[in-house]
C-alpha atoms as a PDB file:
ATOM      1  CA  MET A   1       5.391   5.669 -17.616  1.00  0.00           C
ATOM      2  CA  ARG A   2       2.431   3.339 -17.955  1.00  0.00           C
ATOM      3  CA  PHE A   3       2.018  -0.442 -18.009  1.00  0.00           C
ATOM      4  CA  SER A   4      -1.327  -2.010 -18.800  1.00  0.00           C
ATOM      5  CA  PRO A   5      -1.812  -5.468 -17.274  1.00  0.00           C
ATOM      6  CA  GLY A   6      -5.594  -5.690 -16.862  1.00  0.00           C
ATOM      7  CA  GLY A   7      -7.207  -2.738 -18.563  1.00  0.00           C
ATOM      8  CA  ASN A   8      -6.222  -0.086 -16.037  1.00  0.00           C
ATOM      9  CA  THR A   9      -2.729   1.302 -16.000  1.00  0.00           C
ATOM     10  CA  VAL A  10       0.121   1.199 -13.525  1.00  0.00           C
ATOM     11  CA  THR A  11       1.364   4.742 -13.098  1.00  0.00           C
ATOM     12  CA  ILE A  12       4.191   6.413 -11.239  1.00  0.00           C
ATOM     13  CA  PRO A  13       2.015   7.165  -8.155  1.00  0.00           C
ATOM     14  CA  PHE A  14       1.084   3.494  -7.734  1.00  0.00           C
ATOM     15  CA  LEU A  15       4.697   2.384  -7.995  1.00  0.00           C
ATOM     16  CA  ALA A  16       5.810   5.170  -5.639  1.00  0.00           C
ATOM     17  CA  ILE A  17       3.290   4.371  -2.897  1.00  0.00           C
ATOM     18  CA  LEU A  18       4.032   0.659  -3.119  1.00  0.00           C
ATOM     19  CA  ILE A  19       7.778   1.296  -2.762  1.00  0.00           C
ATOM     20  CA  LEU A  20       7.195   3.847   0.022  1.00  0.00           C
ATOM     21  CA  THR A  21       4.887   1.588   2.040  1.00  0.00           C
ATOM     22  CA  CYS A  22       7.087  -1.477   1.471  1.00  0.00           C
ATOM     23  CA  ILE A  23      10.183   0.289   2.849  1.00  0.00           C
ATOM     24  CA  ALA A  24       8.111   1.607   5.763  1.00  0.00           C
ATOM     25  CA  LEU A  25       6.816  -1.918   6.387  1.00  0.00           C
ATOM     26  CA  ILE A  26      10.336  -3.333   6.610  1.00  0.00           C
ATOM     27  CA  THR A  27      11.607  -0.596   8.949  1.00  0.00           C
ATOM     28  CA  ASP A  28       8.463  -0.724  11.103  1.00  0.00           C
ATOM     29  CA  ILE A  29       8.747  -4.485  11.571  1.00  0.00           C
ATOM     30  CA  LYS A  30      12.484  -4.267  12.357  1.00  0.00           C
ATOM     31  CA  SER A  31      12.524  -1.238  14.662  1.00  0.00           C
ATOM     32  CA  ARG A  32       8.859  -0.188  15.189  1.00  0.00           C
ATOM     33  CA  ILE A  33       9.760   3.206  13.681  1.00  0.00           C
ATOM     34  CA  VAL A  34       8.763   4.820  10.389  1.00  0.00           C
ATOM     35  CA  PRO A  35      11.804   6.993   9.617  1.00  0.00           C
ATOM     36  CA  ASN A  36      11.252  10.699   9.022  1.00  0.00           C
ATOM     37  CA  TRP A  37      13.660  10.679   6.074  1.00  0.00           C
ATOM     38  CA  LEU A  38      11.409   8.155   4.303  1.00  0.00           C
ATOM     39  CA  VAL A  39       8.254  10.140   4.939  1.00  0.00           C
ATOM     40  CA  GLY A  40      10.065  13.351   3.937  1.00  0.00           C
ATOM     41  CA  ILE A  41      11.083  11.801   0.609  1.00  0.00           C
ATOM     42  CA  GLY A  42       7.472  10.674   0.139  1.00  0.00           C
ATOM     43  CA  PHE A  43       6.172  14.192   0.808  1.00  0.00           C
ATOM     44  CA  LEU A  44       8.732  15.926  -1.412  1.00  0.00           C
ATOM     45  CA  THR A  45       8.435  13.580  -4.385  1.00  0.00           C
ATOM     46  CA  GLY A  46       4.636  13.425  -4.084  1.00  0.00           C
ATOM     47  CA  LEU A  47       4.402  17.204  -4.044  1.00  0.00           C
ATOM     48  CA  VAL A  48       6.680  17.551  -7.078  1.00  0.00           C
ATOM     49  CA  TYR A  49       4.745  14.845  -8.938  1.00  0.00           C
ATOM     50  CA  GLN A  50       1.378  16.443  -8.184  1.00  0.00           C
ATOM     51  CA  LEU A  51       2.607  19.925  -9.152  1.00  0.00           C
ATOM     52  CA  PHE A  52       3.883  18.851 -12.566  1.00  0.00           C
ATOM     53  CA  PHE A  53       1.882  15.778 -13.579  1.00  0.00           C
ATOM     54  CA  GLY A  54      -1.140  15.370 -11.312  1.00  0.00           C
ATOM     55  CA  SER A  55      -3.724  17.403  -9.475  1.00  0.00           C
ATOM     56  CA  ILE A  56      -2.195  19.202  -6.516  1.00  0.00           C
ATOM     57  CA  TRP A  57      -5.641  19.843  -5.022  1.00  0.00           C
ATOM     58  CA  GLN A  58      -6.590  16.159  -5.119  1.00  0.00           C
ATOM     59  CA  GLY A  59      -3.274  15.227  -3.494  1.00  0.00           C
ATOM     60  CA  LEU A  60      -3.541  17.910  -0.806  1.00  0.00           C
ATOM     61  CA  GLY A  61      -7.156  16.947  -0.135  1.00  0.00           C
ATOM     62  CA  ALA A  62      -6.226  13.291   0.353  1.00  0.00           C
ATOM     63  CA  MET A  63      -3.294  14.326   2.560  1.00  0.00           C
ATOM     64  CA  LEU A  64      -5.565  16.493   4.734  1.00  0.00           C
ATOM     65  CA  LEU A  65      -8.062  13.633   4.962  1.00  0.00           C
ATOM     66  CA  ALA A  66      -5.254  11.379   6.200  1.00  0.00           C
ATOM     67  CA  PHE A  67      -4.361  13.988   8.820  1.00  0.00           C
ATOM     68  CA  ALA A  68      -8.001  14.456   9.865  1.00  0.00           C
ATOM     69  CA  ILE A  69      -8.422  10.710  10.394  1.00  0.00           C
ATOM     70  CA  GLY A  70      -4.916   9.896  11.631  1.00  0.00           C
ATOM     71  CA  PHE A  71      -4.266  12.693  14.116  1.00  0.00           C
ATOM     72  CA  PRO A  72      -7.190  11.847  16.442  1.00  0.00           C
ATOM     73  CA  LEU A  73      -6.093   8.195  16.305  1.00  0.00           C
ATOM     74  CA  PHE A  74      -2.577   9.314  17.217  1.00  0.00           C
ATOM     75  CA  LEU A  75      -3.950  11.287  20.187  1.00  0.00           C
ATOM     76  CA  LEU A  76      -5.872   8.197  21.302  1.00  0.00           C
ATOM     77  CA  ARG A  77      -2.690   6.108  20.872  1.00  0.00           C
ATOM     78  CA  GLY A  78      -4.210   4.015  18.099  1.00  0.00           C
ATOM     79  CA  LEU A  79      -1.536   4.994  15.581  1.00  0.00           C
ATOM     80  CA  GLY A  80       2.025   6.200  15.860  1.00  0.00           C
ATOM     81  CA  ALA A  81       3.108   9.559  14.482  1.00  0.00           C
ATOM     82  CA  GLY A  82       5.114   7.841  11.740  1.00  0.00           C
ATOM     83  CA  ASP A  83       2.034   5.913  10.637  1.00  0.00           C
ATOM     84  CA  VAL A  84       0.023   9.133  10.357  1.00  0.00           C
ATOM     85  CA  LYS A  85       2.800  10.836   8.381  1.00  0.00           C
ATOM     86  CA  LEU A  86       3.086   7.811   6.091  1.00  0.00           C
ATOM     87  CA  LEU A  87      -0.664   7.896   5.427  1.00  0.00           C
ATOM     88  CA  MET A  88      -0.365  11.608   4.639  1.00  0.00           C
ATOM     89  CA  ALA A  89       2.474  10.931   2.160  1.00  0.00           C
ATOM     90  CA  VAL A  90       0.430   8.185   0.484  1.00  0.00           C
ATOM     91  CA  GLY A  91      -2.518  10.574   0.288  1.00  0.00           C
ATOM     92  CA  LEU A  92      -0.366  13.257  -1.315  1.00  0.00           C
ATOM     93  CA  TRP A  93       0.669  10.828  -4.066  1.00  0.00           C
ATOM     94  CA  THR A  94      -2.913   9.803  -4.907  1.00  0.00           C
ATOM     95  CA  ASN A  95      -6.373  11.296  -5.318  1.00  0.00           C
ATOM     96  CA  MET A  96      -9.376  11.345  -2.990  1.00  0.00           C
ATOM     97  CA  VAL A  97     -11.286   8.446  -4.559  1.00  0.00           C
ATOM     98  CA  PHE A  98      -8.340   6.053  -4.546  1.00  0.00           C
ATOM     99  CA  PHE A  99      -7.223   7.182  -1.094  1.00  0.00           C
ATOM    100  CA  LEU A 100     -10.681   6.706   0.468  1.00  0.00           C
ATOM    101  CA  ASN A 101     -10.724   3.166  -0.850  1.00  0.00           C
ATOM    102  CA  ALA A 102      -7.170   2.489   0.303  1.00  0.00           C
ATOM    103  CA  LEU A 103      -8.179   3.757   3.777  1.00  0.00           C
ATOM    104  CA  PHE A 104     -11.168   1.426   3.723  1.00  0.00           C
ATOM    105  CA  TRP A 105      -8.945  -1.607   3.042  1.00  0.00           C
ATOM    106  CA  ILE A 106      -6.303  -0.429   5.527  1.00  0.00           C
ATOM    107  CA  ALA A 107      -8.987  -0.248   8.240  1.00  0.00           C
ATOM    108  CA  VAL A 108     -10.488  -3.635   7.356  1.00  0.00           C
ATOM    109  CA  ILE A 109      -7.107  -5.390   7.275  1.00  0.00           C
ATOM    110  CA  GLY A 110      -5.897  -3.542  10.390  1.00  0.00           C
ATOM    111  CA  GLY A 111      -9.004  -4.511  12.322  1.00  0.00           C
ATOM    112  CA  ALA A 112      -8.733  -8.151  11.283  1.00  0.00           C
ATOM    113  CA  LEU A 113      -5.017  -8.328  12.171  1.00  0.00           C
ATOM    114  CA  THR A 114      -5.697  -6.682  15.541  1.00  0.00           C
ATOM    115  CA  VAL A 115      -8.409  -9.205  16.408  1.00  0.00           C
ATOM    116  CA  LEU A 116      -6.117 -12.055  15.342  1.00  0.00           C
ATOM    117  CA  ALA A 117      -3.265 -10.659  17.476  1.00  0.00           C
ATOM    118  CA  ILE A 118      -5.572 -10.346  20.506  1.00  0.00           C
ATOM    119  CA  LEU A 119      -6.783 -13.924  20.062  1.00  0.00           C
ATOM    120  CA  PHE A 120      -3.279 -15.293  19.396  1.00  0.00           C
ATOM    121  CA  HIS A 121      -1.798 -13.620  22.501  1.00  0.00           C
ATOM    122  CA  ARG A 122      -4.899 -14.378  24.599  1.00  0.00           C
ATOM    123  CA  ARG A 123      -5.261 -10.758  25.653  1.00  0.00           C
ATOM    124  CA  GLY A 124      -9.029 -10.333  25.376  1.00  0.00           C
ATOM    125  CA  LYS A 125      -9.469  -9.540  29.079  1.00  0.00           C
ATOM    126  CA  SER A 126      -6.622  -6.989  29.161  1.00  0.00           C
ATOM    127  CA  VAL A 127      -7.978  -5.285  26.037  1.00  0.00           C
ATOM    128  CA  TYR A 128     -11.419  -5.110  27.650  1.00  0.00           C
ATOM    129  CA  LEU A 129      -9.996  -3.646  30.892  1.00  0.00           C
ATOM    130  CA  ASN A 130      -7.892  -1.109  28.962  1.00  0.00           C
ATOM    131  CA  LEU A 131     -10.874   0.009  26.877  1.00  0.00           C
ATOM    132  CA  LYS A 132     -13.041   0.301  29.974  1.00  0.00           C
ATOM    133  CA  TYR A 133     -10.359   2.338  31.784  1.00  0.00           C
ATOM    134  CA  PHE A 134      -9.660   4.455  28.695  1.00  0.00           C
ATOM    135  CA  PHE A 135     -13.277   5.471  28.096  1.00  0.00           C
ATOM    136  CA  TYR A 136     -13.962   5.984  31.802  1.00  0.00           C
ATOM    137  CA  HIS A 137     -10.939   8.298  32.011  1.00  0.00           C
ATOM    138  CA  LEU A 138     -11.956  10.065  28.799  1.00  0.00           C
ATOM    139  CA  LEU A 139     -15.512  10.684  30.034  1.00  0.00           C
ATOM    140  CA  ILE A 140     -14.479  11.851  33.511  1.00  0.00           C
ATOM    141  CA  PHE A 141     -11.328  13.883  32.754  1.00  0.00           C
ATOM    142  CA  TRP A 142     -11.891  14.706  29.051  1.00  0.00           C
ATOM    143  CA  LYS A 143      -8.469  13.389  28.084  1.00  0.00           C
ATOM    144  CA  PRO A 144      -6.959   9.964  27.519  1.00  0.00           C
ATOM    145  CA  PRO A 145      -5.085   8.387  30.442  1.00  0.00           C
ATOM    146  CA  GLU A 146      -1.319   8.771  30.660  1.00  0.00           C
ATOM    147  CA  GLN A 147      -0.826   5.017  30.929  1.00  0.00           C
ATOM    148  CA  LEU A 148      -3.064   2.027  30.397  1.00  0.00           C
ATOM    149  CA  VAL A 149      -3.893  -0.404  33.187  1.00  0.00           C
ATOM    150  CA  ILE A 150      -2.399  -3.520  31.619  1.00  0.00           C
ATOM    151  CA  GLU A 151       0.122  -3.812  28.794  1.00  0.00           C
ATOM    152  CA  SER A 152      -1.830  -4.787  25.723  1.00  0.00           C
ATOM    153  CA  VAL A 153      -1.163  -6.150  22.257  1.00  0.00           C
ATOM    154  CA  THR A 154       0.480  -3.764  19.804  1.00  0.00           C
ATOM    155  CA  LEU A 155       0.734  -4.109  16.058  1.00  0.00           C
ATOM    156  CA  PRO A 156       3.199  -2.423  13.699  1.00  0.00           C
ATOM    157  CA  TYR A 157       0.533  -0.585  11.707  1.00  0.00           C
ATOM    158  CA  CYS A 158       2.635  -0.370   8.550  1.00  0.00           C
ATOM    159  CA  VAL A 159       1.593  -3.984   7.949  1.00  0.00           C
ATOM    160  CA  PRO A 160      -2.074  -3.063   7.310  1.00  0.00           C
ATOM    161  CA  ILE A 161      -1.018   0.183   5.612  1.00  0.00           C
ATOM    162  CA  PHE A 162       1.092  -1.752   3.104  1.00  0.00           C
ATOM    163  CA  LEU A 163      -1.424  -4.587   2.634  1.00  0.00           C
ATOM    164  CA  GLY A 164      -4.406  -2.243   2.291  1.00  0.00           C
ATOM    165  CA  THR A 165      -2.596   0.029  -0.155  1.00  0.00           C
ATOM    166  CA  ALA A 166      -1.320  -2.941  -2.188  1.00  0.00           C
ATOM    167  CA  TYR A 167      -4.825  -4.410  -2.288  1.00  0.00           C
ATOM    168  CA  ALA A 168      -6.309  -1.084  -3.420  1.00  0.00           C
ATOM    169  CA  VAL A 169      -3.680  -0.817  -6.191  1.00  0.00           C
ATOM    170  CA  ALA A 170      -4.285  -4.425  -7.297  1.00  0.00           C
ATOM    171  CA  ALA A 171      -8.066  -3.934  -7.250  1.00  0.00           C
ATOM    172  CA  HIS A 172      -7.681  -0.810  -9.389  1.00  0.00           C
ATOM    173  CA  LEU A 173      -5.413  -2.565 -11.866  1.00  0.00           C
ATOM    174  CA  LEU A 174      -7.777  -5.526 -12.181  1.00  0.00           C
ATOM    175  CA  GLY A 175     -10.724  -3.190 -12.728  1.00  0.00           C
ATOM    176  CA  PHE A 176     -12.670  -4.042  -9.557  1.00  0.00           C
ATOM    177  CA  GLU A 177     -15.276  -1.535  -8.449  1.00  0.00           C
ATOM    178  CA  TYR A 178     -14.356   0.626  -5.493  1.00  0.00           C
ATOM    179  CA  PRO A 179     -16.237  -0.169  -2.263  1.00  0.00           C
ATOM    180  CA  ILE A 180     -16.544   3.584  -1.692  1.00  0.00           C
ATOM    181  CA  ASP A 181     -17.780   5.381  -4.795  1.00  0.00           C
ATOM    182  CA  PRO A 182     -18.260   9.134  -4.307  1.00  0.00           C
ATOM    183  CA  GLN A 183     -20.827   9.235  -7.116  1.00  0.00           C
ATOM    184  CA  THR A 184     -23.204   7.049  -5.084  1.00  0.00           C
ATOM    185  CA  LEU A 185     -22.787   8.943  -1.814  1.00  0.00           C
END
């Protein structure tokens, strides 16, 4: 199944990750939870797709990259477990080159939205105090604190996951160059 709007083709993996991240976006905004059934469907269908039509090693590599980046962020309370599992499912559906570029855009959009949320809620001082306390605790006790000093701004991270993935798909379809090209590394 291929459509060809701008030179590059829309394939099943692109449609699947857009549907997967869009449903996760809606549930994350409504309930701040990425349901396990959704991520499970993403894993199962991605695995079946990669086994029969794609490259299982590329999909597994991208999934492991998502885990390697997401799990430490989960431990530091930067991402929720559902967000990490969603990133892993998206990675399983794609390949390393596309996934690295999707991660790049997810991080850029997530960082920008976080700064905007901090400015909008006027929480710059509480974010500073939390970061100071967090790193002090991490350096002294070698583990993150159980609770932060002041309640800070939180962001449903499926918003940047969806927007970054959608941007990466659109950029691919329009033939834009990837910001991260493994051939130049």
